[in-house]
């Protein structure tokens, strides 16, 4: 007893999204705030994550675990709420959005792919 404390292994999720998407959303929000980026100024967004994170979140059909869709939501809204991260209709009905997820490991580098989910237009 008293040798291993599970609380030290816990994570606090700021966003109601898959764990591998937490840090990219934090980083994107910081860029948006620091550089005053507006959605119409962004032509393309490339997110680089670890191989395992990309396997979990690359181009998924569920909005709360699709990196491309959630990055587009962050750009459009300036935040990601529980409602926006789970809005399947918004993901399905959105137009085209040039966002990409790239991952790399010591052995391979994968080129960014296109977002299936489409553009996350703000409503």
PDB file of N, CA and C in Angstrom:
ATOM      1  N   UNK A   1       0.822  -1.172   0.000  1.00  0.00           N
ATOM      2  CA  UNK A   1       0.000   0.000   0.000  1.00  0.00           C
ATOM      3  C   UNK A   1       0.878   1.252   0.000  1.00  0.00           C
ATOM      4  N   UNK A   2       0.410   2.290  -0.692  1.00  0.00           N
ATOM      5  CA  UNK A   2       1.126   3.544  -0.693  1.00  0.00           C
ATOM      6  C   UNK A   2       2.284   3.616  -1.660  1.00  0.00           C
ATOM      7  N   UNK A   3       2.433   2.629  -2.536  1.00  0.00           N
ATOM      8  CA  UNK A   3       3.532   2.647  -3.497  1.00  0.00           C
ATOM      9  C   UNK A   3       3.115   3.171  -4.863  1.00  0.00           C
ATOM     10  N   UNK A   4       1.873   2.931  -5.217  1.00  0.00           N
ATOM     11  CA  UNK A   4       1.403   3.357  -6.534  1.00  0.00           C
ATOM     12  C   UNK A   4       0.065   4.081  -6.361  1.00  0.00           C
ATOM     13  N   UNK A   5       0.006   5.293  -6.862  1.00  0.00           N
ATOM     14  CA  UNK A   5      -1.201   6.097  -6.739  1.00  0.00           C
ATOM     15  C   UNK A   5      -1.769   6.335  -8.135  1.00  0.00           C
ATOM     16  N   UNK A   6      -2.922   5.784  -8.430  1.00  0.00           N
ATOM     17  CA  UNK A   6      -3.522   5.882  -9.760  1.00  0.00           C
ATOM     18  C   UNK A   6      -3.860   7.318 -10.154  1.00  0.00           C
ATOM     19  N   UNK A   7      -4.080   8.177  -9.191  1.00  0.00           N
ATOM     20  CA  UNK A   7      -4.382   9.569  -9.509  1.00  0.00           C
ATOM     21  C   UNK A   7      -3.253  10.202 -10.311  1.00  0.00           C
ATOM     22  N   UNK A   8      -2.048   9.709 -10.136  1.00  0.00           N
ATOM     23  CA  UNK A   8      -0.892  10.245 -10.873  1.00  0.00           C
ATOM     24  C   UNK A   8      -0.938   9.853 -12.350  1.00  0.00           C
ATOM     25  N   UNK A   9      -1.756   8.882 -12.700  1.00  0.00           N
ATOM     26  CA  UNK A   9      -1.903   8.430 -14.087  1.00  0.00           C
ATOM     27  C   UNK A   9      -3.154   9.001 -14.749  1.00  0.00           C
ATOM     28  N   UNK A  10      -3.887   9.836 -14.056  1.00  0.00           N
ATOM     29  CA  UNK A  10      -5.134  10.385 -14.576  1.00  0.00           C
ATOM     30  C   UNK A  10      -4.868  11.574 -15.503  1.00  0.00           C
ATOM     31  N   UNK A  11      -5.762  11.770 -16.437  1.00  0.00           N
ATOM     32  CA  UNK A  11      -5.714  12.927 -17.331  1.00  0.00           C
ATOM     33  C   UNK A  11      -6.974  13.758 -17.114  1.00  0.00           C
ATOM     34  N   UNK A  12      -6.840  15.042 -17.296  1.00  0.00           N
ATOM     35  CA  UNK A  12      -8.000  15.929 -17.274  1.00  0.00           C
ATOM     36  C   UNK A  12      -8.248  16.347 -18.701  1.00  0.00           C
ATOM     37  N   UNK A  13      -9.442  16.065 -19.186  1.00  0.00           N
ATOM     38  CA  UNK A  13      -9.790  16.397 -20.558  1.00  0.00           C
ATOM     39  C   UNK A  13     -10.492  17.754 -20.583  1.00  0.00           C
ATOM     40  N   UNK A  14      -9.896  18.703 -21.239  1.00  0.00           N
ATOM     41  CA  UNK A  14     -10.484  20.034 -21.379  1.00  0.00           C
ATOM     42  C   UNK A  14     -11.641  20.008 -22.370  1.00  0.00           C
ATOM     43  N   UNK A  15     -11.501  19.180 -23.389  1.00  0.00           N
ATOM     44  CA  UNK A  15     -12.477  19.102 -24.478  1.00  0.00           C
ATOM     45  C   UNK A  15     -13.186  17.757 -24.431  1.00  0.00           C
ATOM     46  N   UNK A  16     -14.452  17.711 -24.812  1.00  0.00           N
ATOM     47  CA  UNK A  16     -15.240  16.474 -24.833  1.00  0.00           C
ATOM     48  C   UNK A  16     -14.978  15.726 -26.139  1.00  0.00           C
ATOM     49  N   UNK A  17     -13.708  15.330 -26.324  1.00  0.00           N
ATOM     50  CA  UNK A  17     -13.268  14.672 -27.551  1.00  0.00           C
ATOM     51  C   UNK A  17     -12.279  13.568 -27.186  1.00  0.00           C
ATOM     52  N   UNK A  18     -11.876  12.765 -28.175  1.00  0.00           N
ATOM     53  CA  UNK A  18     -10.899  11.718 -27.943  1.00  0.00           C
ATOM     54  C   UNK A  18      -9.594  12.276 -27.390  1.00  0.00           C
ATOM     55  N   UNK A  19      -8.953  11.507 -26.528  1.00  0.00           N
ATOM     56  CA  UNK A  19      -7.718  11.956 -25.871  1.00  0.00           C
ATOM     57  C   UNK A  19      -6.628  12.438 -26.824  1.00  0.00           C
ATOM     58  N   UNK A  20      -6.387  11.749 -27.965  1.00  0.00           N
ATOM     59  CA  UNK A  20      -5.313  12.221 -28.840  1.00  0.00           C
ATOM     60  C   UNK A  20      -5.574  13.602 -29.469  1.00  0.00           C
ATOM     61  N   UNK A  21      -6.806  14.083 -29.348  1.00  0.00           N
ATOM     62  CA  UNK A  21      -7.170  15.374 -29.949  1.00  0.00           C
ATOM     63  C   UNK A  21      -7.005  16.524 -28.951  1.00  0.00           C
ATOM     64  N   UNK A  22      -6.821  16.233 -27.681  1.00  0.00           N
ATOM     65  CA  UNK A  22      -6.728  17.263 -26.644  1.00  0.00           C
ATOM     66  C   UNK A  22      -5.601  18.268 -26.917  1.00  0.00           C
ATOM     67  N   UNK A  23      -4.385  17.785 -27.068  1.00  0.00           N
ATOM     68  CA  UNK A  23      -3.232  18.683 -27.262  1.00  0.00           C
ATOM     69  C   UNK A  23      -3.322  19.469 -28.573  1.00  0.00           C
ATOM     70  N   UNK A  24      -3.710  18.837 -29.696  1.00  0.00           N
ATOM     71  CA  UNK A  24      -3.855  19.626 -30.920  1.00  0.00           C
ATOM     72  C   UNK A  24      -4.895  20.742 -30.794  1.00  0.00           C
ATOM     73  N   UNK A  25      -6.016  20.479 -30.101  1.00  0.00           N
ATOM     74  CA  UNK A  25      -7.012  21.540 -29.918  1.00  0.00           C
ATOM     75  C   UNK A  25      -6.472  22.650 -29.022  1.00  0.00           C
ATOM     76  N   UNK A  26      -5.760  22.288 -27.959  1.00  0.00           N
ATOM     77  CA  UNK A  26      -5.129  23.305 -27.096  1.00  0.00           C
ATOM     78  C   UNK A  26      -4.170  24.172 -27.908  1.00  0.00           C
ATOM     79  N   UNK A  27      -3.355  23.527 -28.726  1.00  0.00           N
ATOM     80  CA  UNK A  27      -2.376  24.255 -29.537  1.00  0.00           C
ATOM     81  C   UNK A  27      -3.044  25.156 -30.563  1.00  0.00           C
ATOM     82  N   UNK A  28      -4.074  24.636 -31.208  1.00  0.00           N
ATOM     83  CA  UNK A  28      -4.788  25.428 -32.208  1.00  0.00           C
ATOM     84  C   UNK A  28      -5.468  26.632 -31.562  1.00  0.00           C
ATOM     85  N   UNK A  29      -6.075  26.440 -30.412  1.00  0.00           N
ATOM     86  CA  UNK A  29      -6.704  27.559 -29.710  1.00  0.00           C
ATOM     87  C   UNK A  29      -5.669  28.619 -29.352  1.00  0.00           C
ATOM     88  N   UNK A  30      -4.505  28.195 -28.890  1.00  0.00           N
ATOM     89  CA  UNK A  30      -3.445  29.147 -28.559  1.00  0.00           C
ATOM     90  C   UNK A  30      -3.002  29.929 -29.799  1.00  0.00           C
ATOM     91  N   UNK A  31      -2.865  29.239 -30.930  1.00  0.00           N
ATOM     92  CA  UNK A  31      -2.512  29.925 -32.185  1.00  0.00           C
ATOM     93  C   UNK A  31      -3.592  30.920 -32.603  1.00  0.00           C
ATOM     94  N   UNK A  32      -4.842  30.503 -32.496  1.00  0.00           N
ATOM     95  CA  UNK A  32      -5.959  31.383 -32.861  1.00  0.00           C
ATOM     96  C   UNK A  32      -5.929  32.647 -32.009  1.00  0.00           C
ATOM     97  N   UNK A  33      -5.722  32.482 -30.713  1.00  0.00           N
ATOM     98  CA  UNK A  33      -5.698  33.639 -29.803  1.00  0.00           C
ATOM     99  C   UNK A  33      -4.458  34.511 -30.001  1.00  0.00           C
ATOM    100  N   UNK A  34      -3.301  33.878 -30.068  1.00  0.00           N
ATOM    101  CA  UNK A  34      -2.048  34.638 -30.156  1.00  0.00           C
ATOM    102  C   UNK A  34      -1.891  35.349 -31.499  1.00  0.00           C
ATOM    103  N   UNK A  35      -2.307  34.700 -32.568  1.00  0.00           N
ATOM    104  CA  UNK A  35      -2.130  35.264 -33.908  1.00  0.00           C
ATOM    105  C   UNK A  35      -3.417  35.896 -34.466  1.00  0.00           C
ATOM    106  N   UNK A  36      -4.486  35.836 -33.694  1.00  0.00           N
ATOM    107  CA  UNK A  36      -5.790  36.387 -34.105  1.00  0.00           C
ATOM    108  C   UNK A  36      -6.219  35.830 -35.471  1.00  0.00           C
ATOM    109  N   UNK A  37      -6.120  34.518 -35.584  1.00  0.00           N
ATOM    110  CA  UNK A  37      -6.450  33.837 -36.834  1.00  0.00           C
ATOM    111  C   UNK A  37      -7.967  33.751 -36.991  1.00  0.00           C
ATOM    112  N   UNK A  38      -8.433  34.075 -38.188  1.00  0.00           N
ATOM    113  CA  UNK A  38      -9.847  33.955 -38.531  1.00  0.00           C
ATOM    114  C   UNK A  38     -10.000  32.809 -39.533  1.00  0.00           C
ATOM    115  N   UNK A  39     -11.123  32.088 -39.499  1.00  0.00           N
ATOM    116  CA  UNK A  39     -11.298  30.925 -40.377  1.00  0.00           C
ATOM    117  C   UNK A  39     -11.071  31.222 -41.856  1.00  0.00           C
ATOM    118  N   UNK A  40     -11.505  32.375 -42.308  1.00  0.00           N
ATOM    119  CA  UNK A  40     -11.374  32.709 -43.733  1.00  0.00           C
ATOM    120  C   UNK A  40      -9.922  32.927 -44.154  1.00  0.00           C
ATOM    121  N   UNK A  41      -9.024  33.072 -43.194  1.00  0.00           N
ATOM    122  CA  UNK A  41      -7.604  33.245 -43.492  1.00  0.00           C
ATOM    123  C   UNK A  41      -6.863  31.908 -43.655  1.00  0.00           C
ATOM    124  N   UNK A  42      -7.505  30.832 -43.252  1.00  0.00           N
ATOM    125  CA  UNK A  42      -6.848  29.531 -43.265  1.00  0.00           C
ATOM    126  C   UNK A  42      -7.207  28.773 -44.535  1.00  0.00           C
ATOM    127  N   UNK A  43      -6.187  28.488 -45.324  1.00  0.00           N
ATOM    128  CA  UNK A  43      -6.374  27.726 -46.552  1.00  0.00           C
ATOM    129  C   UNK A  43      -6.222  26.236 -46.297  1.00  0.00           C
ATOM    130  N   UNK A  44      -5.315  25.891 -45.393  1.00  0.00           N
ATOM    131  CA  UNK A  44      -5.027  24.491 -45.108  1.00  0.00           C
ATOM    132  C   UNK A  44      -4.446  24.383 -43.708  1.00  0.00           C
ATOM    133  N   UNK A  45      -4.795  23.316 -43.024  1.00  0.00           N
ATOM    134  CA  UNK A  45      -4.287  23.082 -41.678  1.00  0.00           C
ATOM    135  C   UNK A  45      -3.721  21.671 -41.619  1.00  0.00           C
ATOM    136  N   UNK A  46      -2.483  21.540 -41.181  1.00  0.00           N
ATOM    137  CA  UNK A  46      -1.856  20.232 -41.024  1.00  0.00           C
ATOM    138  C   UNK A  46      -1.588  20.024 -39.540  1.00  0.00           C
ATOM    139  N   UNK A  47      -2.076  18.905 -39.015  1.00  0.00           N
ATOM    140  CA  UNK A  47      -1.870  18.546 -37.619  1.00  0.00           C
ATOM    141  C   UNK A  47      -0.934  17.348 -37.591  1.00  0.00           C
ATOM    142  N   UNK A  48       0.155  17.460 -36.856  1.00  0.00           N
ATOM    143  CA  UNK A  48       1.103  16.350 -36.744  1.00  0.00           C
ATOM    144  C   UNK A  48       0.975  15.739 -35.346  1.00  0.00           C
ATOM    145  N   UNK A  49       0.694  14.455 -35.336  1.00  0.00           N
ATOM    146  CA  UNK A  49       0.526  13.732 -34.076  1.00  0.00           C
ATOM    147  C   UNK A  49       1.264  12.402 -34.155  1.00  0.00           C
ATOM    148  N   UNK A  50       1.398  11.753 -33.009  1.00  0.00           N
ATOM    149  CA  UNK A  50       2.033  10.439 -32.954  1.00  0.00           C
ATOM    150  C   UNK A  50       1.198   9.416 -33.721  1.00  0.00           C
ATOM    151  N   UNK A  51       1.855   8.400 -34.189  1.00  0.00           N
ATOM    152  CA  UNK A  51       1.239   7.334 -34.971  1.00  0.00           C
ATOM    153  C   UNK A  51      -0.026   6.773 -34.301  1.00  0.00           C
ATOM    154  N   UNK A  52       0.046   6.448 -33.025  1.00  0.00           N
ATOM    155  CA  UNK A  52      -1.108   5.874 -32.334  1.00  0.00           C
ATOM    156  C   UNK A  52      -2.277   6.848 -32.267  1.00  0.00           C
ATOM    157  N   UNK A  53      -1.984   8.116 -32.049  1.00  0.00           N
ATOM    158  CA  UNK A  53      -3.052   9.114 -32.023  1.00  0.00           C
ATOM    159  C   UNK A  53      -3.722   9.260 -33.366  1.00  0.00           C
ATOM    160  N   UNK A  54      -2.939   9.215 -34.421  1.00  0.00           N
ATOM    161  CA  UNK A  54      -3.488   9.335 -35.770  1.00  0.00           C
ATOM    162  C   UNK A  54      -4.350   8.129 -36.114  1.00  0.00           C
ATOM    163  N   UNK A  55      -3.929   6.945 -35.708  1.00  0.00           N
ATOM    164  CA  UNK A  55      -4.722   5.745 -35.981  1.00  0.00           C
ATOM    165  C   UNK A  55      -6.112   5.847 -35.365  1.00  0.00           C
ATOM    166  N   UNK A  56      -6.205   6.483 -34.232  1.00  0.00           N
ATOM    167  CA  UNK A  56      -7.471   6.596 -33.513  1.00  0.00           C
ATOM    168  C   UNK A  56      -8.361   7.708 -34.052  1.00  0.00           C
ATOM    169  N   UNK A  57      -7.775   8.782 -34.553  1.00  0.00           N
ATOM    170  CA  UNK A  57      -8.555   9.989 -34.843  1.00  0.00           C
ATOM    171  C   UNK A  57      -8.557  10.436 -36.298  1.00  0.00           C
ATOM    172  N   UNK A  58      -7.886   9.721 -37.175  1.00  0.00           N
ATOM    173  CA  UNK A  58      -7.767  10.153 -38.573  1.00  0.00           C
ATOM    174  C   UNK A  58      -9.018   9.859 -39.371  1.00  0.00           C
ATOM    175  N   UNK A  59      -9.693  10.932 -39.785  1.00  0.00           N
ATOM    176  CA  UNK A  59     -10.790  10.825 -40.743  1.00  0.00           C
ATOM    177  C   UNK A  59     -11.909   9.901 -40.288  1.00  0.00           C
ATOM    178  N   UNK A  60     -12.260   9.950 -39.029  1.00  0.00           N
ATOM    179  CA  UNK A  60     -13.295   9.084 -38.474  1.00  0.00           C
ATOM    180  C   UNK A  60     -14.683   9.615 -38.812  1.00  0.00           C
ATOM    181  N   UNK A  61     -15.661   8.749 -38.770  1.00  0.00           N
ATOM    182  CA  UNK A  61     -17.040   9.138 -39.074  1.00  0.00           C
ATOM    183  C   UNK A  61     -17.779   9.685 -37.850  1.00  0.00           C
ATOM    184  N   UNK A  62     -17.230   9.502 -36.663  1.00  0.00           N
ATOM    185  CA  UNK A  62     -17.830  10.045 -35.445  1.00  0.00           C
ATOM    186  C   UNK A  62     -17.199  11.405 -35.178  1.00  0.00           C
ATOM    187  N   UNK A  63     -17.996  12.449 -35.048  1.00  0.00           N
ATOM    188  CA  UNK A  63     -17.425  13.799 -34.918  1.00  0.00           C
ATOM    189  C   UNK A  63     -16.514  13.990 -33.711  1.00  0.00           C
ATOM    190  N   UNK A  64     -16.789  13.345 -32.589  1.00  0.00           N
ATOM    191  CA  UNK A  64     -15.992  13.582 -31.385  1.00  0.00           C
ATOM    192  C   UNK A  64     -14.640  12.878 -31.393  1.00  0.00           C
ATOM    193  N   UNK A  65     -14.353  12.077 -32.413  1.00  0.00           N
ATOM    194  CA  UNK A  65     -13.024  11.466 -32.521  1.00  0.00           C
ATOM    195  C   UNK A  65     -12.397  11.703 -33.903  1.00  0.00           C
ATOM    196  N   UNK A  66     -12.919  12.651 -34.666  1.00  0.00           N
ATOM    197  CA  UNK A  66     -12.357  12.980 -35.978  1.00  0.00           C
ATOM    198  C   UNK A  66     -11.507  14.246 -35.860  1.00  0.00           C
ATOM    199  N   UNK A  67     -10.205  14.065 -35.934  1.00  0.00           N
ATOM    200  CA  UNK A  67      -9.270  15.193 -35.779  1.00  0.00           C
ATOM    201  C   UNK A  67      -9.552  16.304 -36.779  1.00  0.00           C
ATOM    202  N   UNK A  68      -9.754  15.943 -38.039  1.00  0.00           N
ATOM    203  CA  UNK A  68      -9.960  16.944 -39.077  1.00  0.00           C
ATOM    204  C   UNK A  68     -11.214  17.784 -38.789  1.00  0.00           C
ATOM    205  N   UNK A  69     -12.297  17.116 -38.462  1.00  0.00           N
ATOM    206  CA  UNK A  69     -13.550  17.824 -38.191  1.00  0.00           C
ATOM    207  C   UNK A  69     -13.407  18.743 -36.974  1.00  0.00           C
ATOM    208  N   UNK A  70     -12.801  18.231 -35.908  1.00  0.00           N
ATOM    209  CA  UNK A  70     -12.694  19.030 -34.690  1.00  0.00           C
ATOM    210  C   UNK A  70     -11.752  20.217 -34.845  1.00  0.00           C
ATOM    211  N   UNK A  71     -10.711  20.068 -35.638  1.00  0.00           N
ATOM    212  CA  UNK A  71      -9.847  21.216 -35.928  1.00  0.00           C
ATOM    213  C   UNK A  71     -10.627  22.274 -36.697  1.00  0.00           C
ATOM    214  N   UNK A  72     -11.466  21.829 -37.634  1.00  0.00           N
ATOM    215  CA  UNK A  72     -12.291  22.771 -38.392  1.00  0.00           C
ATOM    216  C   UNK A  72     -13.318  23.449 -37.491  1.00  0.00           C
ATOM    217  N   UNK A  73     -13.898  22.708 -36.547  1.00  0.00           N
ATOM    218  CA  UNK A  73     -14.841  23.295 -35.583  1.00  0.00           C
ATOM    219  C   UNK A  73     -14.129  24.356 -34.745  1.00  0.00           C
ATOM    220  N   UNK A  74     -12.927  24.048 -34.282  1.00  0.00           N
ATOM    221  CA  UNK A  74     -12.163  25.021 -33.479  1.00  0.00           C
ATOM    222  C   UNK A  74     -11.896  26.288 -34.287  1.00  0.00           C
ATOM    223  N   UNK A  75     -11.525  26.134 -35.533  1.00  0.00           N
ATOM    224  CA  UNK A  75     -11.285  27.307 -36.387  1.00  0.00           C
ATOM    225  C   UNK A  75     -12.562  28.111 -36.592  1.00  0.00           C
ATOM    226  N   UNK A  76     -13.662  27.428 -36.856  1.00  0.00           N
ATOM    227  CA  UNK A  76     -14.927  28.112 -37.142  1.00  0.00           C
ATOM    228  C   UNK A  76     -15.515  28.792 -35.903  1.00  0.00           C
ATOM    229  N   UNK A  77     -15.452  28.101 -34.758  1.00  0.00           N
ATOM    230  CA  UNK A  77     -16.125  28.580 -33.551  1.00  0.00           C
ATOM    231  C   UNK A  77     -15.208  29.264 -32.542  1.00  0.00           C
ATOM    232  N   UNK A  78     -13.913  29.003 -32.620  1.00  0.00           N
ATOM    233  CA  UNK A  78     -12.986  29.528 -31.621  1.00  0.00           C
ATOM    234  C   UNK A  78     -13.005  28.743 -30.332  1.00  0.00           C
ATOM    235  N   UNK A  79     -13.720  27.621 -30.323  1.00  0.00           N
ATOM    236  CA  UNK A  79     -13.807  26.727 -29.177  1.00  0.00           C
ATOM    237  C   UNK A  79     -14.469  25.438 -29.636  1.00  0.00           C
ATOM    238  N   UNK A  80     -14.471  24.444 -28.767  1.00  0.00           N
ATOM    239  CA  UNK A  80     -15.170  23.191 -29.042  1.00  0.00           C
ATOM    240  C   UNK A  80     -15.970  22.846 -27.803  1.00  0.00           C
ATOM    241  N   UNK A  81     -17.278  22.824 -27.938  1.00  0.00           N
ATOM    242  CA  UNK A  81     -18.162  22.486 -26.820  1.00  0.00           C
ATOM    243  C   UNK A  81     -18.573  21.019 -26.914  1.00  0.00           C
ATOM    244  N   UNK A  82     -19.240  20.532 -25.880  1.00  0.00           N
ATOM    245  CA  UNK A  82     -19.757  19.162 -25.929  1.00  0.00           C
ATOM    246  C   UNK A  82     -20.717  19.025 -27.106  1.00  0.00           C
ATOM    247  N   UNK A  83     -21.582  20.010 -27.256  1.00  0.00           N
ATOM    248  CA  UNK A  83     -22.573  19.973 -28.342  1.00  0.00           C
ATOM    249  C   UNK A  83     -21.891  19.989 -29.714  1.00  0.00           C
ATOM    250  N   UNK A  84     -20.938  20.880 -29.921  1.00  0.00           N
ATOM    251  CA  UNK A  84     -20.301  20.974 -31.238  1.00  0.00           C
ATOM    252  C   UNK A  84     -19.443  19.754 -31.551  1.00  0.00           C
ATOM    253  N   UNK A  85     -18.873  19.136 -30.527  1.00  0.00           N
ATOM    254  CA  UNK A  85     -18.018  17.977 -30.777  1.00  0.00           C
ATOM    255  C   UNK A  85     -18.806  16.697 -31.027  1.00  0.00           C
ATOM    256  N   UNK A  86     -20.099  16.727 -30.763  1.00  0.00           N
ATOM    257  CA  UNK A  86     -20.941  15.553 -30.977  1.00  0.00           C
ATOM    258  C   UNK A  86     -22.011  15.790 -32.034  1.00  0.00           C
ATOM    259  N   UNK A  87     -21.904  16.879 -32.776  1.00  0.00           N
ATOM    260  CA  UNK A  87     -22.929  17.255 -33.756  1.00  0.00           C
ATOM    261  C   UNK A  87     -22.716  16.515 -35.077  1.00  0.00           C
ATOM    262  N   UNK A  88     -23.345  15.347 -35.200  1.00  0.00           N
ATOM    263  CA  UNK A  88     -23.197  14.528 -36.408  1.00  0.00           C
ATOM    264  C   UNK A  88     -23.773  15.218 -37.635  1.00  0.00           C
ATOM    265  N   UNK A  89     -24.877  15.925 -37.464  1.00  0.00           N
ATOM    266  CA  UNK A  89     -25.506  16.622 -38.593  1.00  0.00           C
ATOM    267  C   UNK A  89     -24.555  17.682 -39.156  1.00  0.00           C
ATOM    268  N   UNK A  90     -23.939  18.441 -38.285  1.00  0.00           N
ATOM    269  CA  UNK A  90     -22.993  19.478 -38.732  1.00  0.00           C
ATOM    270  C   UNK A  90     -21.845  18.858 -39.527  1.00  0.00           C
ATOM    271  N   UNK A  91     -21.337  17.730 -39.052  1.00  0.00           N
ATOM    272  CA  UNK A  91     -20.233  17.076 -39.731  1.00  0.00           C
ATOM    273  C   UNK A  91     -20.662  16.561 -41.104  1.00  0.00           C
ATOM    274  N   UNK A  92     -21.846  15.975 -41.188  1.00  0.00           N
ATOM    275  CA  UNK A  92     -22.349  15.429 -42.459  1.00  0.00           C
ATOM    276  C   UNK A  92     -22.654  16.518 -43.468  1.00  0.00           C
ATOM    277  N   UNK A  93     -23.235  17.619 -43.028  1.00  0.00           N
ATOM    278  CA  UNK A  93     -23.729  18.645 -43.941  1.00  0.00           C
ATOM    279  C   UNK A  93     -22.696  19.700 -44.317  1.00  0.00           C
ATOM    280  N   UNK A  94     -21.569  19.691 -43.665  1.00  0.00           N
ATOM    281  CA  UNK A  94     -20.554  20.712 -43.937  1.00  0.00           C
ATOM    282  C   UNK A  94     -19.970  20.527 -45.334  1.00  0.00           C
ATOM    283  N   UNK A  95     -19.515  21.613 -45.939  1.00  0.00           N
ATOM    284  CA  UNK A  95     -18.904  21.570 -47.266  1.00  0.00           C
ATOM    285  C   UNK A  95     -17.464  21.108 -47.197  1.00  0.00           C
ATOM    286  N   UNK A  96     -16.708  21.300 -48.238  1.00  0.00           N
ATOM    287  CA  UNK A  96     -15.324  20.821 -48.260  1.00  0.00           C
ATOM    288  C   UNK A  96     -14.427  21.729 -47.416  1.00  0.00           C
ATOM    289  N   UNK A  97     -13.463  21.137 -46.772  1.00  0.00           N
ATOM    290  CA  UNK A  97     -12.531  21.855 -45.906  1.00  0.00           C
ATOM    291  C   UNK A  97     -11.164  21.236 -46.094  1.00  0.00           C
ATOM    292  N   UNK A  98     -10.182  22.040 -46.351  1.00  0.00           N
ATOM    293  CA  UNK A  98      -8.844  21.514 -46.600  1.00  0.00           C
ATOM    294  C   UNK A  98      -8.067  21.412 -45.296  1.00  0.00           C
ATOM    295  N   UNK A  99      -8.340  20.347 -44.549  1.00  0.00           N
ATOM    296  CA  UNK A  99      -7.587  20.113 -43.323  1.00  0.00           C
ATOM    297  C   UNK A  99      -6.981  18.723 -43.420  1.00  0.00           C
ATOM    298  N   UNK A 100      -5.850  18.549 -42.821  1.00  0.00           N
ATOM    299  CA  UNK A 100      -5.141  17.281 -42.965  1.00  0.00           C
ATOM    300  C   UNK A 100      -4.531  16.858 -41.641  1.00  0.00           C
ATOM    301  N   UNK A 101      -4.392  15.556 -41.497  1.00  0.00           N
ATOM    302  CA  UNK A 101      -3.743  14.992 -40.330  1.00  0.00           C
ATOM    303  C   UNK A 101      -2.521  14.228 -40.808  1.00  0.00           C
ATOM    304  N   UNK A 102      -1.382  14.569 -40.279  1.00  0.00           N
ATOM    305  CA  UNK A 102      -0.155  13.860 -40.633  1.00  0.00           C
ATOM    306  C   UNK A 102       0.405  13.231 -39.368  1.00  0.00           C
ATOM    307  N   UNK A 103       0.930  12.051 -39.493  1.00  0.00           N
ATOM    308  CA  UNK A 103       1.579  11.429 -38.354  1.00  0.00           C
ATOM    309  C   UNK A 103       2.920  10.904 -38.778  1.00  0.00           C
ATOM    310  N   UNK A 104       3.784  10.786 -37.817  1.00  0.00           N
ATOM    311  CA  UNK A 104       5.098  10.238 -38.134  1.00  0.00           C
ATOM    312  C   UNK A 104       5.581   9.394 -36.972  1.00  0.00           C
ATOM    313  N   UNK A 105       6.331   8.378 -37.306  1.00  0.00           N
ATOM    314  CA  UNK A 105       6.975   7.524 -36.325  1.00  0.00           C
ATOM    315  C   UNK A 105       8.431   7.404 -36.766  1.00  0.00           C
ATOM    316  N   UNK A 106       9.278   6.796 -35.987  1.00  0.00           N
ATOM    317  CA  UNK A 106      10.682   6.687 -36.410  1.00  0.00           C
ATOM    318  C   UNK A 106      10.850   6.018 -37.774  1.00  0.00           C
ATOM    319  N   UNK A 107       9.942   5.098 -38.133  1.00  0.00           N
ATOM    320  CA  UNK A 107      10.108   4.344 -39.374  1.00  0.00           C
ATOM    321  C   UNK A 107       9.389   4.960 -40.575  1.00  0.00           C
ATOM    322  N   UNK A 108       8.291   5.655 -40.337  1.00  0.00           N
ATOM    323  CA  UNK A 108       7.485   6.123 -41.463  1.00  0.00           C
ATOM    324  C   UNK A 108       6.992   7.539 -41.261  1.00  0.00           C
ATOM    325  N   UNK A 109       6.675   8.169 -42.337  1.00  0.00           N
ATOM    326  CA  UNK A 109       5.989   9.458 -42.318  1.00  0.00           C
ATOM    327  C   UNK A 109       4.834   9.346 -43.284  1.00  0.00           C
ATOM    328  N   UNK A 110       3.661   9.662 -42.841  1.00  0.00           N
ATOM    329  CA  UNK A 110       2.471   9.555 -43.663  1.00  0.00           C
ATOM    330  C   UNK A 110       2.098  10.930 -44.152  1.00  0.00           C
ATOM    331  N   UNK A 111       1.790  11.033 -45.408  1.00  0.00           N
ATOM    332  CA  UNK A 111       1.377  12.314 -45.980  1.00  0.00           C
ATOM    333  C   UNK A 111      -0.005  12.677 -45.491  1.00  0.00           C
ATOM    334  N   UNK A 112      -0.270  13.958 -45.353  1.00  0.00           N
ATOM    335  CA  UNK A 112      -1.605  14.375 -44.933  1.00  0.00           C
ATOM    336  C   UNK A 112      -2.667  13.915 -45.918  1.00  0.00           C
ATOM    337  N   UNK A 113      -3.812  13.556 -45.389  1.00  0.00           N
ATOM    338  CA  UNK A 113      -4.949  13.162 -46.216  1.00  0.00           C
ATOM    339  C   UNK A 113      -6.045  14.197 -46.113  1.00  0.00           C
ATOM    340  N   UNK A 114      -7.021  14.078 -46.946  1.00  0.00           N
ATOM    341  CA  UNK A 114      -8.144  15.015 -46.939  1.00  0.00           C
ATOM    342  C   UNK A 114      -9.179  14.624 -45.901  1.00  0.00           C
ATOM    343  N   UNK A 115      -9.902  15.591 -45.440  1.00  0.00           N
ATOM    344  CA  UNK A 115     -10.928  15.390 -44.441  1.00  0.00           C
ATOM    345  C   UNK A 115     -12.199  14.860 -45.093  1.00  0.00           C
ATOM    346  N   UNK A 116     -12.667  13.710 -44.638  1.00  0.00           N
ATOM    347  CA  UNK A 116     -13.929  13.157 -45.112  1.00  0.00           C
ATOM    348  C   UNK A 116     -15.102  13.933 -44.551  1.00  0.00           C
ATOM    349  N   UNK A 117     -14.948  14.364 -43.302  1.00  0.00           N
ATOM    350  CA  UNK A 117     -16.047  15.023 -42.617  1.00  0.00           C
ATOM    351  C   UNK A 117     -16.443  16.346 -43.217  1.00  0.00           C
ATOM    352  N   UNK A 118     -15.529  17.034 -43.860  1.00  0.00           N
ATOM    353  CA  UNK A 118     -15.863  18.287 -44.500  1.00  0.00           C
ATOM    354  C   UNK A 118     -15.683  19.494 -43.616  1.00  0.00           C
ATOM    355  N   UNK A 119     -16.055  20.624 -44.111  1.00  0.00           N
ATOM    356  CA  UNK A 119     -15.876  21.884 -43.416  1.00  0.00           C
ATOM    357  C   UNK A 119     -16.882  22.012 -42.289  1.00  0.00           C
ATOM    358  N   UNK A 120     -16.433  22.515 -41.197  1.00  0.00           N
ATOM    359  CA  UNK A 120     -17.290  22.717 -40.028  1.00  0.00           C
ATOM    360  C   UNK A 120     -17.752  24.169 -40.031  1.00  0.00           C
ATOM    361  N   UNK A 121     -18.741  24.463 -40.819  1.00  0.00           N
ATOM    362  CA  UNK A 121     -19.223  25.843 -40.887  1.00  0.00           C
ATOM    363  C   UNK A 121     -19.912  26.206 -39.594  1.00  0.00           C
ATOM    364  N   UNK A 122     -19.751  27.431 -39.164  1.00  0.00           N
ATOM    365  CA  UNK A 122     -20.386  27.845 -37.915  1.00  0.00           C
ATOM    366  C   UNK A 122     -21.847  28.167 -38.166  1.00  0.00           C
ATOM    367  N   UNK A 123     -22.672  27.780 -37.220  1.00  0.00           N
ATOM    368  CA  UNK A 123     -24.125  28.030 -37.321  1.00  0.00           C
ATOM    369  C   UNK A 123     -24.551  28.916 -36.195  1.00  0.00           C
TER     370      UNK A 123
END
